[in-house]
Structure formats: structure tokens, C-alpha cells
């Protein structure tokens, strides 16, 4: 039986994003981005999946959340929030548009808020 070593994500864009998050975390002193990078670096079966109902439950109205994984469209979104994630399902994007929420890429949120002040990680 041959043991294979874990190689991490194979998606080149995801690898680049993880490195960018780690670098920014180190340079700015923002542990939020290091934690997001750690979660994104896990195997696919251990990645985070968050439903819109969970975002409604835990996010603050007018705030920002980051999901180090996929946002799924189960449930209703009752708050207006900016949601940064690795990926969004099509049903989640449709419901977010109806609720006037802003889906953004993780690196875009990192550029807007380099220190990650007031941003919540949802897992």
C-alpha cells in the first residue's frame, strides 16, 4: 500500500489566492486572512459550505462576512450584507440580488478592508 502525501488545492487561482491572503496577513498583521487561507487550503471534502439562512442568522445588517468556501442558496436572506466567498451557487446569487446583497470575491474584500476590521468568518 503506497501512501500519497497531501498536495493541497490544485486550482491555480485558489493557490494564488491562498498565497495572497497569507502575505497580506503577515504584512498588515491581520490574522483574519491567515485563518481564511488555512480553511481554503483544506481538502475539498473539508471545505466550508454555508447556506443563506446561516448568513441571515449570524451576519449583522450592513456588515461584511467572508465564507472560505461555497455559499449555497438554501433559506432566505433577510439582511443587507456584503458576502465574500470562494464560490457562489447560482441560486444563492439569484437570492442575493433579490435581497440587494453584494457578492464579492475574497481578494476584493481584502483590498477594501486590508485589516479585516468588522468582518466575520462564517463556517
N, C-alpha and C. Protein backbone atom coordinates (compact mmCIF):
# COMPACT_ATOMS: atom_id res chain seq x y z
N UNK A 1 0.84 -1.17 0.00
CA UNK A 1 0.00 0.00 0.00
C UNK A 1 0.89 1.25 0.00
N UNK A 2 0.73 2.05 -0.99
CA UNK A 2 1.53 3.26 -1.13
C UNK A 2 0.80 4.43 -0.50
N UNK A 3 1.50 5.17 0.33
CA UNK A 3 0.92 6.35 0.97
C UNK A 3 1.23 7.56 0.11
N UNK A 4 0.22 8.29 -0.24
CA UNK A 4 0.45 9.52 -1.01
C UNK A 4 0.38 10.70 -0.05
N UNK A 5 1.16 11.68 -0.33
CA UNK A 5 1.14 12.84 0.55
C UNK A 5 0.11 13.84 0.04
N UNK A 6 -0.40 14.60 0.95
CA UNK A 6 -1.42 15.60 0.63
C UNK A 6 -0.77 16.74 -0.15
N UNK A 7 -1.38 17.11 -1.26
CA UNK A 7 -0.79 18.13 -2.11
C UNK A 7 -1.49 19.48 -2.00
N UNK A 8 -2.65 19.51 -1.39
CA UNK A 8 -3.39 20.77 -1.28
C UNK A 8 -4.19 21.03 -2.54
N UNK A 9 -4.72 22.24 -2.68
CA UNK A 9 -5.55 22.56 -3.83
C UNK A 9 -4.75 22.50 -5.13
N UNK A 10 -5.41 22.06 -6.20
CA UNK A 10 -4.75 22.00 -7.50
C UNK A 10 -5.16 23.17 -8.39
N UNK A 11 -6.21 23.88 -8.03
CA UNK A 11 -6.67 25.03 -8.79
C UNK A 11 -5.64 26.15 -8.66
N UNK A 12 -5.09 26.59 -9.77
CA UNK A 12 -4.03 27.61 -9.75
C UNK A 12 -4.51 28.93 -9.16
N UNK A 13 -5.75 29.32 -9.48
CA UNK A 13 -6.30 30.56 -8.93
C UNK A 13 -6.44 30.47 -7.42
N UNK A 14 -6.88 29.32 -6.92
CA UNK A 14 -7.04 29.13 -5.48
C UNK A 14 -5.68 29.16 -4.78
N UNK A 15 -4.68 28.54 -5.36
CA UNK A 15 -3.33 28.57 -4.79
C UNK A 15 -2.82 30.01 -4.68
N UNK A 16 -3.04 30.78 -5.75
CA UNK A 16 -2.61 32.18 -5.77
C UNK A 16 -3.34 32.98 -4.70
N UNK A 17 -4.65 32.75 -4.55
CA UNK A 17 -5.45 33.44 -3.55
C UNK A 17 -4.94 33.12 -2.14
N UNK A 18 -4.63 31.86 -1.87
CA UNK A 18 -4.14 31.46 -0.55
C UNK A 18 -2.82 32.16 -0.24
N UNK A 19 -1.92 32.20 -1.20
CA UNK A 19 -0.63 32.88 -1.00
C UNK A 19 -0.83 34.37 -0.76
N UNK A 20 -1.75 34.99 -1.51
CA UNK A 20 -2.03 36.41 -1.35
C UNK A 20 -2.60 36.69 0.05
N UNK A 21 -3.48 35.84 0.52
CA UNK A 21 -4.07 36.00 1.85
C UNK A 21 -3.01 35.88 2.94
N UNK A 22 -2.14 34.89 2.82
CA UNK A 22 -1.07 34.70 3.81
C UNK A 22 -0.12 35.89 3.83
N UNK A 23 0.25 36.37 2.64
CA UNK A 23 1.16 37.51 2.54
C UNK A 23 0.55 38.76 3.16
N UNK A 24 -0.71 39.03 2.84
CA UNK A 24 -1.39 40.20 3.40
C UNK A 24 -1.52 40.08 4.91
N UNK A 25 -1.83 38.90 5.39
CA UNK A 25 -1.95 38.67 6.84
C UNK A 25 -0.64 39.01 7.55
N UNK A 26 0.46 38.58 6.95
CA UNK A 26 1.78 38.82 7.55
C UNK A 26 2.15 40.30 7.49
N UNK A 27 1.94 40.92 6.32
CA UNK A 27 2.36 42.31 6.14
C UNK A 27 1.53 43.29 6.96
N UNK A 28 0.23 43.07 7.05
CA UNK A 28 -0.66 44.01 7.71
C UNK A 28 -0.91 43.62 9.17
N UNK A 29 -0.63 42.38 9.50
CA UNK A 29 -0.89 41.90 10.85
C UNK A 29 -2.36 41.60 11.08
N UNK A 30 -3.01 40.99 10.07
CA UNK A 30 -4.43 40.68 10.16
C UNK A 30 -4.62 39.16 10.18
N UNK A 31 -4.84 38.59 11.37
CA UNK A 31 -4.99 37.13 11.47
C UNK A 31 -6.23 36.59 10.75
N UNK A 32 -7.20 37.45 10.47
CA UNK A 32 -8.41 37.02 9.77
C UNK A 32 -8.05 36.37 8.44
N UNK A 33 -7.17 37.00 7.67
CA UNK A 33 -6.83 36.49 6.34
C UNK A 33 -6.02 35.20 6.43
N UNK A 34 -5.20 35.05 7.48
CA UNK A 34 -4.47 33.80 7.67
C UNK A 34 -5.45 32.65 7.93
N UNK A 35 -6.47 32.92 8.74
CA UNK A 35 -7.47 31.90 9.04
C UNK A 35 -8.26 31.51 7.79
N UNK A 36 -8.61 32.49 6.96
CA UNK A 36 -9.32 32.20 5.71
C UNK A 36 -8.44 31.35 4.80
N UNK A 37 -7.14 31.69 4.71
CA UNK A 37 -6.21 30.92 3.87
C UNK A 37 -6.10 29.48 4.35
N UNK A 38 -6.05 29.28 5.67
CA UNK A 38 -5.98 27.92 6.22
C UNK A 38 -7.21 27.10 5.83
N UNK A 39 -8.38 27.70 5.94
CA UNK A 39 -9.61 27.00 5.59
C UNK A 39 -9.68 26.68 4.10
N UNK A 40 -9.25 27.61 3.26
CA UNK A 40 -9.27 27.38 1.82
C UNK A 40 -8.25 26.32 1.39
N UNK A 41 -7.20 26.13 2.17
CA UNK A 41 -6.16 25.16 1.85
C UNK A 41 -6.50 23.74 2.21
N UNK A 42 -7.62 23.52 2.85
CA UNK A 42 -8.02 22.17 3.25
C UNK A 42 -8.50 21.37 2.03
N UNK A 43 -8.52 20.05 2.15
CA UNK A 43 -9.05 19.24 1.05
C UNK A 43 -10.51 19.61 0.75
N UNK A 44 -10.91 19.37 -0.47
CA UNK A 44 -12.25 19.76 -0.92
C UNK A 44 -13.36 19.21 -0.04
N UNK A 45 -13.23 17.99 0.41
CA UNK A 45 -14.29 17.38 1.24
C UNK A 45 -14.40 18.04 2.62
N UNK A 46 -13.40 18.81 3.02
CA UNK A 46 -13.44 19.50 4.31
C UNK A 46 -13.73 20.99 4.16
N UNK A 47 -13.98 21.45 2.92
CA UNK A 47 -14.24 22.87 2.72
C UNK A 47 -15.60 23.27 3.25
N UNK A 48 -15.73 24.53 3.52
CA UNK A 48 -16.92 25.09 4.15
C UNK A 48 -18.05 25.28 3.13
N UNK A 49 -19.26 24.95 3.55
CA UNK A 49 -20.47 25.24 2.77
C UNK A 49 -21.43 25.95 3.71
N UNK A 50 -21.84 27.15 3.33
CA UNK A 50 -22.72 27.97 4.18
C UNK A 50 -23.97 28.31 3.40
N UNK A 51 -25.13 28.13 4.03
CA UNK A 51 -26.40 28.49 3.41
C UNK A 51 -26.75 29.94 3.70
N UNK A 52 -27.60 30.52 2.85
CA UNK A 52 -28.03 31.90 3.05
C UNK A 52 -28.76 32.06 4.38
N UNK A 53 -29.46 31.02 4.83
CA UNK A 53 -30.15 31.11 6.12
C UNK A 53 -29.16 31.31 7.26
N UNK A 54 -27.98 30.67 7.16
CA UNK A 54 -26.94 30.85 8.19
C UNK A 54 -26.39 32.27 8.16
N UNK A 55 -26.23 32.82 6.96
CA UNK A 55 -25.74 34.19 6.84
C UNK A 55 -26.74 35.15 7.46
N UNK A 56 -28.02 34.94 7.19
CA UNK A 56 -29.07 35.78 7.79
C UNK A 56 -29.04 35.70 9.31
N UNK A 57 -28.76 34.52 9.81
CA UNK A 57 -28.79 34.29 11.25
C UNK A 57 -27.61 34.96 11.97
N UNK A 58 -26.42 34.90 11.38
CA UNK A 58 -25.21 35.32 12.10
C UNK A 58 -24.60 36.65 11.64
N UNK A 59 -24.98 37.15 10.47
CA UNK A 59 -24.38 38.40 9.98
C UNK A 59 -25.13 39.61 10.55
N UNK A 60 -24.41 40.71 10.64
CA UNK A 60 -25.02 41.97 11.07
C UNK A 60 -25.49 42.72 9.84
N UNK A 61 -26.66 43.36 9.95
CA UNK A 61 -27.21 44.12 8.84
C UNK A 61 -26.23 45.23 8.45
N UNK A 62 -25.89 45.30 7.18
CA UNK A 62 -24.96 46.32 6.70
C UNK A 62 -23.50 45.93 6.87
N UNK A 63 -23.24 44.76 7.42
CA UNK A 63 -21.87 44.32 7.67
C UNK A 63 -21.29 43.53 6.52
N UNK A 64 -20.16 42.90 6.78
CA UNK A 64 -19.48 42.08 5.78
C UNK A 64 -19.13 40.73 6.39
N UNK A 65 -19.28 39.68 5.59
CA UNK A 65 -18.89 38.34 6.02
C UNK A 65 -18.02 37.72 4.94
N UNK A 66 -17.17 36.80 5.36
CA UNK A 66 -16.35 36.06 4.41
C UNK A 66 -16.60 34.56 4.66
N UNK A 67 -16.80 33.84 3.56
CA UNK A 67 -17.04 32.40 3.63
C UNK A 67 -15.88 31.73 2.90
N UNK A 68 -15.01 31.02 3.64
CA UNK A 68 -13.87 30.36 2.99
C UNK A 68 -14.31 29.05 2.34
N UNK A 69 -15.22 29.16 1.40
CA UNK A 69 -15.79 28.01 0.72
C UNK A 69 -16.92 28.46 -0.19
N UNK A 70 -18.02 27.70 -0.15
CA UNK A 70 -19.14 27.91 -1.07
C UNK A 70 -20.35 28.46 -0.33
N UNK A 71 -21.02 29.43 -0.94
CA UNK A 71 -22.29 29.93 -0.42
C UNK A 71 -23.40 29.23 -1.21
N UNK A 72 -24.29 28.55 -0.48
CA UNK A 72 -25.40 27.83 -1.10
C UNK A 72 -26.70 28.59 -0.90
N UNK A 73 -27.68 28.33 -1.76
CA UNK A 73 -28.91 29.12 -1.79
C UNK A 73 -30.03 28.63 -0.91
N UNK A 74 -29.79 27.77 0.06
CA UNK A 74 -30.85 27.28 0.94
C UNK A 74 -31.25 28.35 1.95
N UNK A 75 -32.53 28.64 2.05
CA UNK A 75 -33.01 29.64 3.00
C UNK A 75 -33.18 31.00 2.35
N UNK A 76 -33.60 31.93 3.16
CA UNK A 76 -33.83 33.30 2.69
C UNK A 76 -32.83 34.25 3.34
N UNK A 77 -32.47 35.29 2.64
CA UNK A 77 -31.56 36.30 3.14
C UNK A 77 -32.38 37.51 3.55
N UNK A 78 -32.36 37.82 4.84
CA UNK A 78 -33.20 38.89 5.37
C UNK A 78 -32.41 40.16 5.70
N UNK A 79 -31.10 40.12 5.55
CA UNK A 79 -30.27 41.28 5.87
C UNK A 79 -29.48 41.71 4.64
N UNK A 80 -29.14 42.98 4.60
CA UNK A 80 -28.32 43.50 3.51
C UNK A 80 -26.86 43.46 3.97
N UNK A 81 -26.10 42.53 3.40
CA UNK A 81 -24.70 42.35 3.78
C UNK A 81 -23.84 42.19 2.53
N UNK A 82 -22.56 42.45 2.68
CA UNK A 82 -21.59 42.14 1.63
C UNK A 82 -21.04 40.75 1.95
N UNK A 83 -21.08 39.86 0.97
CA UNK A 83 -20.65 38.49 1.20
C UNK A 83 -19.49 38.17 0.26
N UNK A 84 -18.35 37.85 0.85
CA UNK A 84 -17.18 37.44 0.08
C UNK A 84 -17.03 35.93 0.24
N UNK A 85 -16.78 35.24 -0.88
CA UNK A 85 -16.65 33.78 -0.82
C UNK A 85 -15.79 33.29 -1.97
N UNK A 86 -15.34 32.05 -1.84
CA UNK A 86 -14.59 31.40 -2.90
C UNK A 86 -15.50 31.15 -4.09
N UNK A 87 -16.74 30.69 -3.81
CA UNK A 87 -17.70 30.41 -4.87
C UNK A 87 -19.12 30.63 -4.38
N UNK A 88 -20.03 30.92 -5.31
CA UNK A 88 -21.44 31.09 -5.00
C UNK A 88 -22.24 30.17 -5.92
N UNK A 89 -23.27 29.51 -5.38
CA UNK A 89 -24.16 28.73 -6.24
C UNK A 89 -25.04 29.71 -7.01
N UNK A 90 -25.60 29.26 -8.12
CA UNK A 90 -26.44 30.14 -8.93
C UNK A 90 -27.70 30.57 -8.18
N UNK A 91 -28.27 29.65 -7.39
CA UNK A 91 -29.46 30.02 -6.62
C UNK A 91 -29.13 31.03 -5.53
N UNK A 92 -27.94 30.92 -4.95
CA UNK A 92 -27.52 31.89 -3.92
C UNK A 92 -27.35 33.28 -4.54
N UNK A 93 -26.73 33.34 -5.72
CA UNK A 93 -26.54 34.63 -6.39
C UNK A 93 -27.88 35.28 -6.72
N UNK A 94 -28.83 34.47 -7.18
CA UNK A 94 -30.15 35.00 -7.52
C UNK A 94 -30.86 35.56 -6.28
N UNK A 95 -30.82 34.84 -5.18
CA UNK A 95 -31.46 35.30 -3.95
C UNK A 95 -30.75 36.51 -3.37
N UNK A 96 -29.43 36.57 -3.53
CA UNK A 96 -28.67 37.71 -3.03
C UNK A 96 -29.03 38.98 -3.81
N UNK A 97 -29.21 38.85 -5.11
CA UNK A 97 -29.60 40.01 -5.91
C UNK A 97 -30.98 40.52 -5.49
N UNK A 98 -31.90 39.61 -5.23
CA UNK A 98 -33.24 40.00 -4.80
C UNK A 98 -33.21 40.70 -3.45
N UNK A 99 -32.31 40.28 -2.56
CA UNK A 99 -32.19 40.88 -1.23
C UNK A 99 -31.28 42.11 -1.22
N UNK A 100 -30.80 42.50 -2.40
CA UNK A 100 -29.91 43.65 -2.55
C UNK A 100 -28.61 43.50 -1.76
N UNK A 101 -28.09 42.26 -1.73
CA UNK A 101 -26.80 41.98 -1.10
C UNK A 101 -25.72 42.01 -2.17
N UNK A 102 -24.50 42.21 -1.72
CA UNK A 102 -23.40 42.36 -2.66
C UNK A 102 -22.46 41.16 -2.59
N UNK A 103 -22.47 40.30 -3.62
CA UNK A 103 -21.47 39.21 -3.64
C UNK A 103 -20.14 39.75 -4.17
N UNK A 104 -19.07 39.48 -3.45
CA UNK A 104 -17.75 39.95 -3.89
C UNK A 104 -16.73 38.82 -3.73
N UNK A 105 -15.63 38.96 -4.43
CA UNK A 105 -14.54 37.99 -4.31
C UNK A 105 -13.77 38.28 -3.02
N UNK A 106 -13.14 37.26 -2.48
CA UNK A 106 -12.39 37.39 -1.23
C UNK A 106 -11.27 38.42 -1.37
N UNK A 107 -10.56 38.39 -2.50
CA UNK A 107 -9.45 39.33 -2.68
C UNK A 107 -9.94 40.77 -2.79
N UNK A 108 -11.15 40.95 -3.31
CA UNK A 108 -11.72 42.30 -3.38
C UNK A 108 -12.01 42.83 -1.98
N UNK A 109 -12.57 41.98 -1.12
CA UNK A 109 -12.83 42.39 0.26
C UNK A 109 -11.52 42.68 0.98
N UNK A 110 -10.48 41.89 0.68
CA UNK A 110 -9.18 42.11 1.31
C UNK A 110 -8.59 43.46 0.89
N UNK A 111 -8.83 43.86 -0.35
CA UNK A 111 -8.33 45.17 -0.82
C UNK A 111 -9.12 46.32 -0.19
N UNK A 112 -10.43 46.13 -0.03
CA UNK A 112 -11.29 47.15 0.57
C UNK A 112 -10.98 47.30 2.06
N UNK A 113 -10.78 46.17 2.73
CA UNK A 113 -10.58 46.15 4.18
C UNK A 113 -9.35 45.30 4.52
N UNK A 114 -8.12 45.85 4.32
CA UNK A 114 -6.90 45.05 4.50
C UNK A 114 -6.73 44.45 5.89
N UNK A 115 -7.18 45.13 6.92
CA UNK A 115 -7.03 44.60 8.28
C UNK A 115 -8.16 43.66 8.66
N UNK A 116 -9.21 43.61 7.87
CA UNK A 116 -10.33 42.73 8.16
C UNK A 116 -11.19 43.20 9.32
N UNK A 117 -11.17 44.48 9.60
CA UNK A 117 -11.91 45.05 10.73
C UNK A 117 -13.41 44.89 10.52
N UNK A 118 -14.08 44.29 11.49
CA UNK A 118 -15.54 44.14 11.44
C UNK A 118 -16.04 43.03 10.52
N UNK A 119 -15.14 42.28 9.91
CA UNK A 119 -15.54 41.20 9.01
C UNK A 119 -15.67 39.90 9.82
N UNK A 120 -16.75 39.17 9.57
CA UNK A 120 -16.97 37.90 10.27
C UNK A 120 -16.69 36.75 9.32
N UNK A 121 -16.03 35.70 9.84
CA UNK A 121 -15.85 34.47 9.08
C UNK A 121 -17.00 33.55 9.43
N UNK A 122 -17.70 33.04 8.43
CA UNK A 122 -18.78 32.08 8.66
C UNK A 122 -18.34 30.72 8.17
N UNK A 123 -18.48 29.72 9.04
CA UNK A 123 -18.09 28.35 8.68
C UNK A 123 -19.18 27.39 9.08
